[in-house]
Amino acid sequence: MANVAARLFITLRKLAGKKQTEVRSAILVKIVERVVEKYGSKFRDKLLDEKIGRTKPFYSILVNSIRLSLREDTETKAKDGDVIAIFPLAGGW
C-alpha cells in the first residue's frame, strides 16, 4: 500500500472543503475510490460517470504531473509519496 496525496481543484475542492487529502492505496482506481468515499455522494456525482464507474471525460488525473485516464489506465500503480491531481479540463476562448 502506498501513502498518496490527492490534490483537488475547482469544484471538487469546494465540495471536499480542502485542497488536498491523504489516502492509502497501491492502484490509481482505488485511490480515486477512496477519495470519493471520503467526500460523499455530491463529490461522486460530480467526478464519476455512474454508468461506468470511472471519471467523467472532462476530468483529468495527473500522477506526478503525468496525465492518465481511469478509463484506460485502470491498473496504474502508485508509490509512497506520489501526488495525484484531479481537476476538470479548462477550455474557453
Protein backbone atom coordinates (compact mmCIF):
# COMPACT_ATOMS: atom_id res chain seq x y z
CA MET A 1 0.00 0.00 0.00
CA ALA A 2 1.18 3.49 -0.83
CA ASN A 3 0.60 6.75 1.03
CA VAL A 4 -0.54 9.18 -1.65
CA ALA A 5 -1.51 12.86 -1.65
CA ALA A 6 -4.61 13.65 -3.72
CA ARG A 7 -4.86 17.32 -4.73
CA LEU A 8 -8.30 18.62 -5.62
CA PHE A 9 -9.16 21.57 -7.84
CA ILE A 10 -12.09 23.87 -8.64
CA THR A 11 -15.50 22.31 -7.83
CA LEU A 12 -14.04 19.18 -6.25
CA ARG A 13 -12.03 21.36 -3.85
CA LYS A 14 -15.19 23.23 -2.89
CA LEU A 15 -17.14 20.01 -2.32
CA ALA A 16 -14.35 18.48 -0.20
CA GLY A 17 -13.64 21.69 1.69
CA LYS A 18 -9.90 21.16 1.29
CA LYS A 19 -7.14 21.39 -1.28
CA GLN A 20 -5.54 18.05 -0.56
CA THR A 21 -6.23 14.77 1.18
CA GLU A 22 -4.12 11.76 2.01
CA VAL A 23 -5.18 8.26 1.00
CA ARG A 24 -3.60 4.84 1.17
CA SER A 25 -3.73 2.51 -1.82
CA ALA A 26 -1.45 0.98 -4.43
CA ILE A 27 -3.70 1.29 -7.52
CA LEU A 28 -4.90 4.56 -9.09
CA VAL A 29 -8.52 3.42 -9.43
CA LYS A 30 -8.63 2.53 -5.74
CA ILE A 31 -7.07 5.86 -4.79
CA VAL A 32 -9.87 7.72 -6.59
CA GLU A 33 -12.46 5.41 -4.99
CA ARG A 34 -11.07 6.20 -1.53
CA VAL A 35 -11.19 9.94 -2.20
CA VAL A 36 -14.80 9.61 -3.36
CA GLU A 37 -15.68 7.59 -0.22
CA LYS A 38 -14.25 10.37 1.95
CA TYR A 39 -16.35 13.14 0.41
CA GLY A 40 -19.69 11.53 -0.34
CA SER A 41 -22.38 11.44 -2.98
CA LYS A 42 -22.18 15.03 -4.27
CA PHE A 43 -18.46 14.60 -4.83
CA ARG A 44 -19.02 11.21 -6.51
CA ASP A 45 -21.77 12.59 -8.76
CA LYS A 46 -19.56 15.47 -9.87
CA LEU A 47 -16.50 13.33 -10.64
CA LEU A 48 -17.73 9.91 -11.78
CA ASP A 49 -19.81 8.66 -14.69
CA GLU A 50 -22.25 6.40 -12.85
CA LYS A 51 -22.74 4.11 -15.84
CA ILE A 52 -19.12 3.00 -15.96
CA GLY A 53 -17.84 3.98 -12.51
CA ARG A 54 -14.92 5.96 -13.92
CA THR A 55 -14.16 9.66 -14.12
CA LYS A 56 -16.23 11.78 -16.45
CA PRO A 57 -14.38 12.57 -19.69
CA PHE A 58 -13.83 16.24 -18.83
CA TYR A 59 -11.78 15.43 -15.70
CA SER A 60 -8.05 14.90 -15.81
CA ILE A 61 -5.92 12.91 -13.44
CA LEU A 62 -2.21 13.53 -13.15
CA VAL A 63 0.15 11.24 -11.30
CA ASN A 64 3.37 13.11 -10.55
CA SER A 65 2.49 15.51 -13.42
CA ILE A 66 1.81 12.73 -15.96
CA ARG A 67 -1.75 12.65 -17.31
CA LEU A 68 -3.56 9.32 -17.02
CA SER A 69 -7.06 8.14 -17.78
CA LEU A 70 -9.04 5.96 -15.40
CA ARG A 71 -10.84 4.72 -18.47
CA GLU A 72 -7.65 3.17 -19.88
CA ASP A 73 -5.05 3.08 -17.09
CA THR A 74 -7.05 1.03 -14.61
CA GLU A 75 -4.09 -0.89 -13.19
CA THR A 76 -1.65 2.01 -12.78
CA LYS A 77 0.34 1.52 -9.59
CA ALA A 78 1.16 4.24 -7.05
CA LYS A 79 4.18 4.52 -4.80
CA ASP A 80 4.67 6.17 -1.42
CA GLY A 81 4.85 9.92 -1.84
CA ASP A 82 3.12 10.07 -5.23
CA VAL A 83 0.93 13.10 -5.84
CA ILE A 84 -2.37 12.66 -7.66
CA ALA A 85 -4.07 15.78 -9.05
CA ILE A 86 -7.76 15.63 -10.02
CA PHE A 87 -9.22 18.56 -11.94
CA PRO A 88 -11.61 19.50 -14.75
CA LEU A 89 -10.12 20.36 -18.11
CA ALA A 90 -10.15 24.07 -18.82
CA GLY A 91 -11.44 25.48 -22.03
CA GLY A 92 -12.70 28.68 -23.45
CA TRP A 93 -11.84 31.49 -25.73
